[in-house]
Amino acid sequence: MTRIERITEWTVLPTGMEDGDVNSLSFAVSVRWRGTYEGKKGGGWSISRAGSELSRSRQWSHYVPRFRRWQHRWATFEEAQAIAREVVDGVVMNGRTYAEWEAFHAARKEGSA
């Protein structure tokens, strides 16, 4: 009998973020397996963060109706992984990227010293 093992979720953190950072829930991007890719019928790999999914046109959506899910899927893990790496440093939370938050907090520390 053969065993099948599959990666079903892969997470990428923004540049400079350490593993275990409490802000990873807001800024990290995950690539998730959604079943065998069947084009407009579903499946494939999705890219998500904080309850939103990335569309093929690079827009984040909080709710994706079933009939539009194919617009938020990629056929291969490698393709979805490359796009996740591409977009992670541009993820914005409360008006700032992770790098901007880090710079903001560093400036506040300098100002209070």
PDB file of N, CA and C in Angstrom:
ATOM      1  N   MET A   1       0.844  -1.173   0.000  1.00  0.00           N
ATOM      2  CA  MET A   1       0.000   0.000   0.000  1.00  0.00           C
ATOM      3  C   MET A   1       0.896   1.246   0.000  1.00  0.00           C
ATOM      4  N   THR A   2       0.565   2.235  -0.812  1.00  0.00           N
ATOM      5  CA  THR A   2       1.378   3.453  -0.877  1.00  0.00           C
ATOM      6  C   THR A   2       0.803   4.528   0.030  1.00  0.00           C
ATOM      7  N   ARG A   3       1.677   5.340   0.518  1.00  0.00           N
ATOM      8  CA  ARG A   3       1.269   6.454   1.375  1.00  0.00           C
ATOM      9  C   ARG A   3       1.353   7.744   0.561  1.00  0.00           C
ATOM     10  N   ILE A   4       0.382   8.594   0.745  1.00  0.00           N
ATOM     11  CA  ILE A   4       0.389   9.902   0.089  1.00  0.00           C
ATOM     12  C   ILE A   4       0.571  10.961   1.168  1.00  0.00           C
ATOM     13  N   GLU A   5       1.514  11.833   0.937  1.00  0.00           N
ATOM     14  CA  GLU A   5       1.722  12.969   1.831  1.00  0.00           C
ATOM     15  C   GLU A   5       1.647  14.234   0.987  1.00  0.00           C
ATOM     16  N   ARG A   6       0.976  15.247   1.500  1.00  0.00           N
ATOM     17  CA  ARG A   6       0.772  16.460   0.721  1.00  0.00           C
ATOM     18  C   ARG A   6       0.891  17.675   1.631  1.00  0.00           C
ATOM     19  N   ILE A   7       1.562  18.693   1.145  1.00  0.00           N
ATOM     20  CA  ILE A   7       1.561  19.982   1.836  1.00  0.00           C
ATOM     21  C   ILE A   7       0.206  20.609   1.539  1.00  0.00           C
ATOM     22  N   THR A   8      -0.544  20.976   2.567  1.00  0.00           N
ATOM     23  CA  THR A   8      -1.860  21.585   2.336  1.00  0.00           C
ATOM     24  C   THR A   8      -1.883  23.066   2.690  1.00  0.00           C
ATOM     25  N   GLU A   9      -0.853  23.525   3.387  1.00  0.00           N
ATOM     26  CA  GLU A   9      -0.768  24.958   3.685  1.00  0.00           C
ATOM     27  C   GLU A   9       0.689  25.352   3.852  1.00  0.00           C
ATOM     28  N   TRP A  10       1.034  26.477   3.302  1.00  0.00           N
ATOM     29  CA  TRP A  10       2.388  27.004   3.355  1.00  0.00           C
ATOM     30  C   TRP A  10       2.272  28.493   3.641  1.00  0.00           C
ATOM     31  N   THR A  11       3.051  28.997   4.576  1.00  0.00           N
ATOM     32  CA  THR A  11       2.931  30.397   4.992  1.00  0.00           C
ATOM     33  C   THR A  11       4.233  31.141   4.735  1.00  0.00           C
ATOM     34  N   VAL A  12       4.113  32.363   4.229  1.00  0.00           N
ATOM     35  CA  VAL A  12       5.267  33.228   4.007  1.00  0.00           C
ATOM     36  C   VAL A  12       5.074  34.501   4.838  1.00  0.00           C
ATOM     37  N   LEU A  13       6.123  34.894   5.539  1.00  0.00           N
ATOM     38  CA  LEU A  13       6.100  36.101   6.371  1.00  0.00           C
ATOM     39  C   LEU A  13       6.741  37.252   5.616  1.00  0.00           C
ATOM     40  N   PRO A  14       6.354  38.485   5.925  1.00  0.00           N
ATOM     41  CA  PRO A  14       6.993  39.635   5.277  1.00  0.00           C
ATOM     42  C   PRO A  14       8.484  39.698   5.597  1.00  0.00           C
ATOM     43  N   THR A  15       9.231  40.333   4.742  1.00  0.00           N
ATOM     44  CA  THR A  15      10.657  40.513   4.944  1.00  0.00           C
ATOM     45  C   THR A  15      10.914  41.181   6.291  1.00  0.00           C
ATOM     46  N   GLY A  16      11.778  40.591   7.079  1.00  0.00           N
ATOM     47  CA  GLY A  16      12.139  41.146   8.379  1.00  0.00           C
ATOM     48  C   GLY A  16      11.324  40.621   9.547  1.00  0.00           C
ATOM     49  N   MET A  17      10.223  39.970   9.300  1.00  0.00           N
ATOM     50  CA  MET A  17       9.396  39.444  10.387  1.00  0.00           C
ATOM     51  C   MET A  17       9.990  38.136  10.891  1.00  0.00           C
ATOM     52  N   GLU A  18      10.073  38.006  12.193  1.00  0.00           N
ATOM     53  CA  GLU A  18      10.604  36.785  12.781  1.00  0.00           C
ATOM     54  C   GLU A  18       9.490  35.761  12.969  1.00  0.00           C
ATOM     55  N   ASP A  19       9.884  34.498  12.912  1.00  0.00           N
ATOM     56  CA  ASP A  19       8.938  33.420  13.147  1.00  0.00           C
ATOM     57  C   ASP A  19       8.390  33.558  14.567  1.00  0.00           C
ATOM     58  N   GLY A  20       7.101  33.446  14.734  1.00  0.00           N
ATOM     59  CA  GLY A  20       6.481  33.579  16.047  1.00  0.00           C
ATOM     60  C   GLY A  20       6.042  35.000  16.381  1.00  0.00           C
ATOM     61  N   ASP A  21       6.284  35.953  15.497  1.00  0.00           N
ATOM     62  CA  ASP A  21       5.859  37.343  15.717  1.00  0.00           C
ATOM     63  C   ASP A  21       4.334  37.384  15.838  1.00  0.00           C
ATOM     64  N   VAL A  22       3.829  38.091  16.867  1.00  0.00           N
ATOM     65  CA  VAL A  22       2.378  38.161  17.076  1.00  0.00           C
ATOM     66  C   VAL A  22       1.656  38.840  15.923  1.00  0.00           C
ATOM     67  N   ASN A  23       2.349  39.641  15.140  1.00  0.00           N
ATOM     68  CA  ASN A  23       1.733  40.329  14.006  1.00  0.00           C
ATOM     69  C   ASN A  23       1.612  39.455  12.762  1.00  0.00           C
ATOM     70  N   SER A  24       2.110  38.232  12.833  1.00  0.00           N
ATOM     71  CA  SER A  24       2.052  37.380  11.649  1.00  0.00           C
ATOM     72  C   SER A  24       0.610  37.085  11.241  1.00  0.00           C
ATOM     73  N   LEU A  25      -0.308  37.074  12.181  1.00  0.00           N
ATOM     74  CA  LEU A  25      -1.717  36.847  11.829  1.00  0.00           C
ATOM     75  C   LEU A  25      -2.254  37.943  10.921  1.00  0.00           C
ATOM     76  N   SER A  26      -1.710  39.143  11.039  1.00  0.00           N
ATOM     77  CA  SER A  26      -2.167  40.264  10.222  1.00  0.00           C
ATOM     78  C   SER A  26      -1.440  40.380   8.890  1.00  0.00           C
ATOM     79  N   PHE A  27      -0.160  40.035   8.851  1.00  0.00           N
ATOM     80  CA  PHE A  27       0.648  40.301   7.669  1.00  0.00           C
ATOM     81  C   PHE A  27       1.079  39.077   6.870  1.00  0.00           C
ATOM     82  N   ALA A  28       1.079  37.897   7.451  1.00  0.00           N
ATOM     83  CA  ALA A  28       1.516  36.688   6.746  1.00  0.00           C
ATOM     84  C   ALA A  28       0.522  36.310   5.657  1.00  0.00           C
ATOM     85  N   VAL A  29       1.008  35.641   4.642  1.00  0.00           N
ATOM     86  CA  VAL A  29       0.189  35.180   3.531  1.00  0.00           C
ATOM     87  C   VAL A  29       0.306  33.659   3.470  1.00  0.00           C
ATOM     88  N   SER A  30      -0.822  32.974   3.319  1.00  0.00           N
ATOM     89  CA  SER A  30      -0.832  31.511   3.261  1.00  0.00           C
ATOM     90  C   SER A  30      -1.277  31.013   1.894  1.00  0.00           C
ATOM     91  N   VAL A  31      -0.644  29.957   1.455  1.00  0.00           N
ATOM     92  CA  VAL A  31      -1.044  29.263   0.234  1.00  0.00           C
ATOM     93  C   VAL A  31      -1.715  27.982   0.705  1.00  0.00           C
ATOM     94  N   ARG A  32      -2.968  27.768   0.283  1.00  0.00           N
ATOM     95  CA  ARG A  32      -3.740  26.621   0.771  1.00  0.00           C
ATOM     96  C   ARG A  32      -4.252  25.743  -0.362  1.00  0.00           C
ATOM     97  N   TRP A  33      -4.156  24.437  -0.128  1.00  0.00           N
ATOM     98  CA  TRP A  33      -4.669  23.438  -1.060  1.00  0.00           C
ATOM     99  C   TRP A  33      -6.182  23.407  -0.968  1.00  0.00           C
ATOM    100  N   ARG A  34      -6.870  23.491  -2.109  1.00  0.00           N
ATOM    101  CA  ARG A  34      -8.330  23.483  -2.137  1.00  0.00           C
ATOM    102  C   ARG A  34      -8.889  22.320  -2.937  1.00  0.00           C
ATOM    103  N   GLY A  35      -8.072  21.310  -3.140  1.00  0.00           N
ATOM    104  CA  GLY A  35      -8.513  20.139  -3.892  1.00  0.00           C
ATOM    105  C   GLY A  35      -7.906  20.113  -5.281  1.00  0.00           C
ATOM    106  N   THR A  36      -8.154  19.040  -5.985  1.00  0.00           N
ATOM    107  CA  THR A  36      -7.631  18.889  -7.338  1.00  0.00           C
ATOM    108  C   THR A  36      -8.136  20.014  -8.221  1.00  0.00           C
ATOM    109  N   TYR A  37      -7.232  20.665  -8.910  1.00  0.00           N
ATOM    110  CA  TYR A  37      -7.595  21.798  -9.767  1.00  0.00           C
ATOM    111  C   TYR A  37      -8.442  21.329 -10.941  1.00  0.00           C
ATOM    112  N   GLU A  38      -9.610  21.968 -11.098  1.00  0.00           N
ATOM    113  CA  GLU A  38     -10.516  21.622 -12.188  1.00  0.00           C
ATOM    114  C   GLU A  38     -10.980  22.861 -12.936  1.00  0.00           C
ATOM    115  N   GLY A  39     -10.119  23.877 -13.021  1.00  0.00           N
ATOM    116  CA  GLY A  39     -10.483  25.096 -13.738  1.00  0.00           C
ATOM    117  C   GLY A  39     -11.645  25.808 -13.069  1.00  0.00           C
ATOM    118  N   LYS A  40     -12.667  26.129 -13.837  1.00  0.00           N
ATOM    119  CA  LYS A  40     -13.824  26.849 -13.295  1.00  0.00           C
ATOM    120  C   LYS A  40     -14.668  25.998 -12.344  1.00  0.00           C
ATOM    121  N   LYS A  41     -14.417  24.707 -12.300  1.00  0.00           N
ATOM    122  CA  LYS A  41     -15.163  23.837 -11.394  1.00  0.00           C
ATOM    123  C   LYS A  41     -14.606  23.851  -9.982  1.00  0.00           C
ATOM    124  N   GLY A  42     -13.396  24.402  -9.801  1.00  0.00           N
ATOM    125  CA  GLY A  42     -12.867  24.516  -8.445  1.00  0.00           C
ATOM    126  C   GLY A  42     -11.521  23.856  -8.239  1.00  0.00           C
ATOM    127  N   GLY A  43     -11.161  23.784  -6.964  1.00  0.00           N
ATOM    128  CA  GLY A  43      -9.899  23.183  -6.572  1.00  0.00           C
ATOM    129  C   GLY A  43      -8.725  24.117  -6.775  1.00  0.00           C
ATOM    130  N   GLY A  44      -7.539  23.549  -6.732  1.00  0.00           N
ATOM    131  CA  GLY A  44      -6.319  24.319  -6.916  1.00  0.00           C
ATOM    132  C   GLY A  44      -5.786  24.889  -5.615  1.00  0.00           C
ATOM    133  N   TRP A  45      -5.027  25.940  -5.719  1.00  0.00           N
ATOM    134  CA  TRP A  45      -4.381  26.594  -4.583  1.00  0.00           C
ATOM    135  C   TRP A  45      -4.906  28.008  -4.422  1.00  0.00           C
ATOM    136  N   SER A  46      -5.202  28.399  -3.183  1.00  0.00           N
ATOM    137  CA  SER A  46      -5.639  29.772  -2.920  1.00  0.00           C
ATOM    138  C   SER A  46      -4.546  30.491  -2.140  1.00  0.00           C
ATOM    139  N   ILE A  47      -4.567  31.813  -2.213  1.00  0.00           N
ATOM    140  CA  ILE A  47      -3.650  32.652  -1.448  1.00  0.00           C
ATOM    141  C   ILE A  47      -4.527  33.484  -0.525  1.00  0.00           C
ATOM    142  N   SER A  48      -4.271  33.387   0.777  1.00  0.00           N
ATOM    143  CA  SER A  48      -5.147  34.074   1.724  1.00  0.00           C
ATOM    144  C   SER A  48      -4.361  34.728   2.846  1.00  0.00           C
ATOM    145  N   ARG A  49      -5.036  35.644   3.526  1.00  0.00           N
ATOM    146  CA  ARG A  49      -4.484  36.302   4.707  1.00  0.00           C
ATOM    147  C   ARG A  49      -5.630  36.924   5.486  1.00  0.00           C
ATOM    148  N   ALA A  50      -5.596  36.768   6.790  1.00  0.00           N
ATOM    149  CA  ALA A  50      -6.564  37.398   7.689  1.00  0.00           C
ATOM    150  C   ALA A  50      -8.006  37.323   7.177  1.00  0.00           C
ATOM    151  N   GLY A  51      -8.416  36.173   6.686  1.00  0.00           N
ATOM    152  CA  GLY A  51      -9.797  35.989   6.243  1.00  0.00           C
ATOM    153  C   GLY A  51     -10.107  36.466   4.839  1.00  0.00           C
ATOM    154  N   SER A  52      -9.121  36.935   4.091  1.00  0.00           N
ATOM    155  CA  SER A  52      -9.326  37.392   2.718  1.00  0.00           C
ATOM    156  C   SER A  52      -8.587  36.473   1.754  1.00  0.00           C
ATOM    157  N   GLU A  53      -9.082  36.411   0.519  1.00  0.00           N
ATOM    158  CA  GLU A  53      -8.413  35.639  -0.522  1.00  0.00           C
ATOM    159  C   GLU A  53      -7.993  36.566  -1.650  1.00  0.00           C
ATOM    160  N   LEU A  54      -6.839  36.270  -2.231  1.00  0.00           N
ATOM    161  CA  LEU A  54      -6.308  37.065  -3.337  1.00  0.00           C
ATOM    162  C   LEU A  54      -6.865  36.544  -4.655  1.00  0.00           C
ATOM    163  N   SER A  55      -7.316  37.474  -5.493  1.00  0.00           N
ATOM    164  CA  SER A  55      -7.816  37.074  -6.814  1.00  0.00           C
ATOM    165  C   SER A  55      -6.654  37.071  -7.804  1.00  0.00           C
ATOM    166  N   ARG A  56      -6.896  36.505  -8.961  1.00  0.00           N
ATOM    167  CA  ARG A  56      -5.871  36.477  -9.999  1.00  0.00           C
ATOM    168  C   ARG A  56      -5.536  37.888 -10.475  1.00  0.00           C
ATOM    169  N   SER A  57      -6.424  38.850 -10.247  1.00  0.00           N
ATOM    170  CA  SER A  57      -6.154  40.248 -10.603  1.00  0.00           C
ATOM    171  C   SER A  57      -5.501  41.013  -9.447  1.00  0.00           C
ATOM    172  N   ARG A  58      -5.052  40.281  -8.421  1.00  0.00           N
ATOM    173  CA  ARG A  58      -4.301  40.808  -7.265  1.00  0.00           C
ATOM    174  C   ARG A  58      -5.135  41.719  -6.358  1.00  0.00           C
ATOM    175  N   GLN A  59      -6.418  41.408  -6.240  1.00  0.00           N
ATOM    176  CA  GLN A  59      -7.311  42.129  -5.327  1.00  0.00           C
ATOM    177  C   GLN A  59      -7.685  41.199  -4.177  1.00  0.00           C
ATOM    178  N   TRP A  60      -7.709  41.723  -2.946  1.00  0.00           N
ATOM    179  CA  TRP A  60      -8.105  40.933  -1.782  1.00  0.00           C
ATOM    180  C   TRP A  60      -9.614  41.005  -1.618  1.00  0.00           C
ATOM    181  N   SER A  61     -10.254  39.867  -1.385  1.00  0.00           N
ATOM    182  CA  SER A  61     -11.701  39.801  -1.190  1.00  0.00           C
ATOM    183  C   SER A  61     -12.005  39.090   0.117  1.00  0.00           C
ATOM    184  N   HIS A  62     -12.914  39.679   0.919  1.00  0.00           N
ATOM    185  CA  HIS A  62     -13.288  39.054   2.185  1.00  0.00           C
ATOM    186  C   HIS A  62     -14.263  37.901   1.977  1.00  0.00           C
ATOM    187  N   TYR A  63     -15.116  38.026   0.988  1.00  0.00           N
ATOM    188  CA  TYR A  63     -16.078  36.962   0.709  1.00  0.00           C
ATOM    189  C   TYR A  63     -16.017  36.650  -0.786  1.00  0.00           C
ATOM    190  N   VAL A  64     -15.828  35.406  -1.103  1.00  0.00           N
ATOM    191  CA  VAL A  64     -15.777  34.989  -2.498  1.00  0.00           C
ATOM    192  C   VAL A  64     -16.934  34.032  -2.756  1.00  0.00           C
ATOM    193  N   PRO A  65     -17.929  34.464  -3.557  1.00  0.00           N
ATOM    194  CA  PRO A  65     -19.045  33.570  -3.864  1.00  0.00           C
ATOM    195  C   PRO A  65     -18.553  32.308  -4.578  1.00  0.00           C
ATOM    196  N   ARG A  66     -19.238  31.229  -4.375  1.00  0.00           N
ATOM    197  CA  ARG A  66     -18.842  29.940  -4.944  1.00  0.00           C
ATOM    198  C   ARG A  66     -18.590  30.022  -6.452  1.00  0.00           C
ATOM    199  N   PHE A  67     -19.433  30.736  -7.189  1.00  0.00           N
ATOM    200  CA  PHE A  67     -19.285  30.788  -8.640  1.00  0.00           C
ATOM    201  C   PHE A  67     -18.081  31.617  -9.092  1.00  0.00           C
ATOM    202  N   ARG A  68     -17.434  32.335  -8.164  1.00  0.00           N
ATOM    203  CA  ARG A  68     -16.242  33.123  -8.511  1.00  0.00           C
ATOM    204  C   ARG A  68     -14.961  32.538  -7.926  1.00  0.00           C
ATOM    205  N   ARG A  69     -15.030  31.458  -7.216  1.00  0.00           N
ATOM    206  CA  ARG A  69     -13.834  30.916  -6.557  1.00  0.00           C
ATOM    207  C   ARG A  69     -12.714  30.596  -7.538  1.00  0.00           C
ATOM    208  N   TRP A  70     -13.048  30.187  -8.745  1.00  0.00           N
ATOM    209  CA  TRP A  70     -12.016  29.861  -9.731  1.00  0.00           C
ATOM    210  C   TRP A  70     -11.136  31.069 -10.014  1.00  0.00           C
ATOM    211  N   GLN A  71     -11.651  32.283  -9.824  1.00  0.00           N
ATOM    212  CA  GLN A  71     -10.877  33.505 -10.054  1.00  0.00           C
ATOM    213  C   GLN A  71      -9.872  33.751  -8.925  1.00  0.00           C
ATOM    214  N   HIS A  72      -9.948  32.948  -7.879  1.00  0.00           N
ATOM    215  CA  HIS A  72      -9.066  33.067  -6.721  1.00  0.00           C
ATOM    216  C   HIS A  72      -8.241  31.802  -6.523  1.00  0.00           C
ATOM    217  N   ARG A  73      -8.010  31.051  -7.600  1.00  0.00           N
ATOM    218  CA  ARG A  73      -7.281  29.782  -7.516  1.00  0.00           C
ATOM    219  C   ARG A  73      -6.163  29.723  -8.550  1.00  0.00           C
ATOM    220  N   TRP A  74      -5.125  28.977  -8.192  1.00  0.00           N
ATOM    221  CA  TRP A  74      -4.006  28.731  -9.081  1.00  0.00           C
ATOM    222  C   TRP A  74      -3.862  27.229  -9.255  1.00  0.00           C
ATOM    223  N   ALA A  75      -3.432  26.821 -10.426  1.00  0.00           N
ATOM    224  CA  ALA A  75      -3.356  25.396 -10.749  1.00  0.00           C
ATOM    225  C   ALA A  75      -2.218  24.685 -10.028  1.00  0.00           C
ATOM    226  N   THR A  76      -1.110  25.383  -9.801  1.00  0.00           N
ATOM    227  CA  THR A  76       0.044  24.719  -9.186  1.00  0.00           C
ATOM    228  C   THR A  76       0.479  25.432  -7.908  1.00  0.00           C
ATOM    229  N   PHE A  77       1.057  24.658  -7.019  1.00  0.00           N
ATOM    230  CA  PHE A  77       1.610  25.195  -5.781  1.00  0.00           C
ATOM    231  C   PHE A  77       2.717  26.197  -6.090  1.00  0.00           C
ATOM    232  N   GLU A  78       3.572  25.871  -7.047  1.00  0.00           N
ATOM    233  CA  GLU A  78       4.696  26.740  -7.389  1.00  0.00           C
ATOM    234  C   GLU A  78       4.239  28.112  -7.867  1.00  0.00           C
ATOM    235  N   GLU A  79       3.187  28.163  -8.663  1.00  0.00           N
ATOM    236  CA  GLU A  79       2.651  29.431  -9.150  1.00  0.00           C
ATOM    237  C   GLU A  79       2.077  30.248  -7.990  1.00  0.00           C
ATOM    238  N   ALA A  80       1.277  29.618  -7.142  1.00  0.00           N
ATOM    239  CA  ALA A  80       0.695  30.310  -5.993  1.00  0.00           C
ATOM    240  C   ALA A  80       1.785  30.760  -5.021  1.00  0.00           C
ATOM    241  N   GLN A  81       2.784  29.933  -4.812  1.00  0.00           N
ATOM    242  CA  GLN A  81       3.899  30.255  -3.921  1.00  0.00           C
ATOM    243  C   GLN A  81       4.647  31.497  -4.427  1.00  0.00           C
ATOM    244  N   ALA A  82       4.935  31.556  -5.709  1.00  0.00           N
ATOM    245  CA  ALA A  82       5.636  32.698  -6.292  1.00  0.00           C
ATOM    246  C   ALA A  82       4.830  33.984  -6.121  1.00  0.00           C
ATOM    247  N   ILE A  83       3.527  33.906  -6.325  1.00  0.00           N
ATOM    248  CA  ILE A  83       2.677  35.093  -6.184  1.00  0.00           C
ATOM    249  C   ILE A  83       2.589  35.507  -4.720  1.00  0.00           C
ATOM    250  N   ALA A  84       2.498  34.549  -3.805  1.00  0.00           N
ATOM    251  CA  ALA A  84       2.472  34.869  -2.370  1.00  0.00           C
ATOM    252  C   ALA A  84       3.748  35.608  -1.971  1.00  0.00           C
ATOM    253  N   ARG A  85       4.881  35.160  -2.459  1.00  0.00           N
ATOM    254  CA  ARG A  85       6.153  35.837  -2.174  1.00  0.00           C
ATOM    255  C   ARG A  85       6.162  37.249  -2.753  1.00  0.00           C
ATOM    256  N   GLU A  86       5.529  37.407  -3.900  1.00  0.00           N
ATOM    257  CA  GLU A  86       5.456  38.694  -4.593  1.00  0.00           C
ATOM    258  C   GLU A  86       4.621  39.717  -3.813  1.00  0.00           C
ATOM    259  N   VAL A  87       3.508  39.275  -3.224  1.00  0.00           N
ATOM    260  CA  VAL A  87       2.557  40.207  -2.611  1.00  0.00           C
ATOM    261  C   VAL A  87       2.740  40.426  -1.117  1.00  0.00           C
ATOM    262  N   VAL A  88       3.452  39.540  -0.412  1.00  0.00           N
ATOM    263  CA  VAL A  88       3.477  39.587   1.055  1.00  0.00           C
ATOM    264  C   VAL A  88       4.024  40.903   1.614  1.00  0.00           C
ATOM    265  N   ASP A  89       5.037  41.476   1.007  1.00  0.00           N
ATOM    266  CA  ASP A  89       5.595  42.716   1.543  1.00  0.00           C
ATOM    267  C   ASP A  89       4.684  43.925   1.288  1.00  0.00           C
ATOM    268  N   GLY A  90       3.678  43.756   0.438  1.00  0.00           N
ATOM    269  CA  GLY A  90       2.735  44.834   0.166  1.00  0.00           C
ATOM    270  C   GLY A  90       1.430  44.726   0.937  1.00  0.00           C
ATOM    271  N   VAL A  91       1.293  43.720   1.798  1.00  0.00           N
ATOM    272  CA  VAL A  91       0.070  43.558   2.591  1.00  0.00           C
ATOM    273  C   VAL A  91      -0.062  44.746   3.542  1.00  0.00           C
ATOM    274  N   VAL A  92      -1.231  45.366   3.530  1.00  0.00           N
ATOM    275  CA  VAL A  92      -1.480  46.551   4.348  1.00  0.00           C
ATOM    276  C   VAL A  92      -2.481  46.228   5.450  1.00  0.00           C
ATOM    277  N   MET A  93      -2.138  46.610   6.662  1.00  0.00           N
ATOM    278  CA  MET A  93      -3.026  46.469   7.808  1.00  0.00           C
ATOM    279  C   MET A  93      -3.095  47.828   8.492  1.00  0.00           C
ATOM    280  N   ASN A  94      -4.294  48.356   8.648  1.00  0.00           N
ATOM    281  CA  ASN A  94      -4.500  49.672   9.249  1.00  0.00           C
ATOM    282  C   ASN A  94      -3.645  50.749   8.577  1.00  0.00           C
ATOM    283  N   GLY A  95      -3.572  50.674   7.250  1.00  0.00           N
ATOM    284  CA  GLY A  95      -2.907  51.711   6.475  1.00  0.00           C
ATOM    285  C   GLY A  95      -1.403  51.580   6.318  1.00  0.00           C
ATOM    286  N   ARG A  96      -0.796  50.516   6.872  1.00  0.00           N
ATOM    287  CA  ARG A  96       0.655  50.378   6.781  1.00  0.00           C
ATOM    288  C   ARG A  96       1.047  48.944   6.444  1.00  0.00           C
ATOM    289  N   THR A  97       2.174  48.818   5.727  1.00  0.00           N
ATOM    290  CA  THR A  97       2.764  47.508   5.506  1.00  0.00           C
ATOM    291  C   THR A  97       3.541  47.136   6.761  1.00  0.00           C
ATOM    292  N   TYR A  98       4.019  45.911   6.824  1.00  0.00           N
ATOM    293  CA  TYR A  98       4.807  45.491   7.991  1.00  0.00           C
ATOM    294  C   TYR A  98       6.062  46.356   8.130  1.00  0.00           C
ATOM    295  N   ALA A  99       6.746  46.632   7.033  1.00  0.00           N
ATOM    296  CA  ALA A  99       7.960  47.459   7.077  1.00  0.00           C
ATOM    297  C   ALA A  99       7.641  48.861   7.599  1.00  0.00           C
ATOM    298  N   GLU A 100       6.506  49.413   7.188  1.00  0.00           N
ATOM    299  CA  GLU A 100       6.112  50.752   7.661  1.00  0.00           C
ATOM    300  C   GLU A 100       5.793  50.730   9.149  1.00  0.00           C
ATOM    301  N   TRP A 101       5.146  49.654   9.627  1.00  0.00           N
ATOM    302  CA  TRP A 101       4.878  49.534  11.063  1.00  0.00           C
ATOM    303  C   TRP A 101       6.174  49.452  11.849  1.00  0.00           C
ATOM    304  N   GLU A 102       7.122  48.682  11.355  1.00  0.00           N
ATOM    305  CA  GLU A 102       8.412  48.552  12.030  1.00  0.00           C
ATOM    306  C   GLU A 102       9.124  49.897  12.105  1.00  0.00           C
ATOM    307  N   ALA A 103       9.114  50.659  11.009  1.00  0.00           N
ATOM    308  CA  ALA A 103       9.746  51.977  10.992  1.00  0.00           C
ATOM    309  C   ALA A 103       9.026  52.931  11.949  1.00  0.00           C
ATOM    310  N   PHE A 104       7.707  52.869  11.981  1.00  0.00           N
ATOM    311  CA  PHE A 104       6.912  53.713  12.870  1.00  0.00           C
ATOM    312  C   PHE A 104       7.258  53.442  14.330  1.00  0.00           C
ATOM    313  N   HIS A 105       7.311  52.165  14.705  1.00  0.00           N
ATOM    314  CA  HIS A 105       7.625  51.808  16.091  1.00  0.00           C
ATOM    315  C   HIS A 105       9.073  52.148  16.448  1.00  0.00           C
ATOM    316  N   ALA A 106       9.977  52.001  15.502  1.00  0.00           N
ATOM    317  CA  ALA A 106      11.391  52.353  15.758  1.00  0.00           C
ATOM    318  C   ALA A 106      11.521  53.861  15.981  1.00  0.00           C
ATOM    319  N   ALA A 107      10.786  54.656  15.205  1.00  0.00           N
ATOM    320  CA  ALA A 107      10.824  56.115  15.363  1.00  0.00           C
ATOM    321  C   ALA A 107      10.237  56.520  16.717  1.00  0.00           C
ATOM    322  N   ARG A 108       9.190  55.852  17.139  1.00  0.00           N
ATOM    323  CA  ARG A 108       8.586  56.154  18.449  1.00  0.00           C
ATOM    324  C   ARG A 108       9.555  55.835  19.578  1.00  0.00           C
ATOM    325  N   LYS A 109      10.285  54.710  19.447  1.00  0.00           N
ATOM    326  CA  LYS A 109      11.265  54.335  20.469  1.00  0.00           C
ATOM    327  C   LYS A 109      12.376  55.379  20.545  1.00  0.00           C
ATOM    328  N   GLU A 110      12.861  55.844  19.387  1.00  0.00           N
ATOM    329  CA  GLU A 110      13.915  56.853  19.353  1.00  0.00           C
ATOM    330  C   GLU A 110      13.441  58.162  19.978  1.00  0.00           C
ATOM    331  N   GLY A 111      12.179  58.517  19.699  1.00  0.00           N
ATOM    332  CA  GLY A 111      11.626  59.766  20.214  1.00  0.00           C
ATOM    333  C   GLY A 111      11.428  59.754  21.719  1.00  0.00           C
ATOM    334  N   SER A 112      11.198  58.578  22.277  1.00  0.00           N
ATOM    335  CA  SER A 112      10.974  58.496  23.725  1.00  0.00           C
ATOM    336  C   SER A 112      12.268  58.266  24.511  1.00  0.00           C
ATOM    337  N   ALA A 113      13.359  58.057  23.797  1.00  0.00           N
ATOM    338  CA  ALA A 113      14.650  57.802  24.485  1.00  0.00           C
ATOM    339  C   ALA A 113      15.375  59.083  24.836  1.00  0.00           C
TER     340      ALA A 113
END
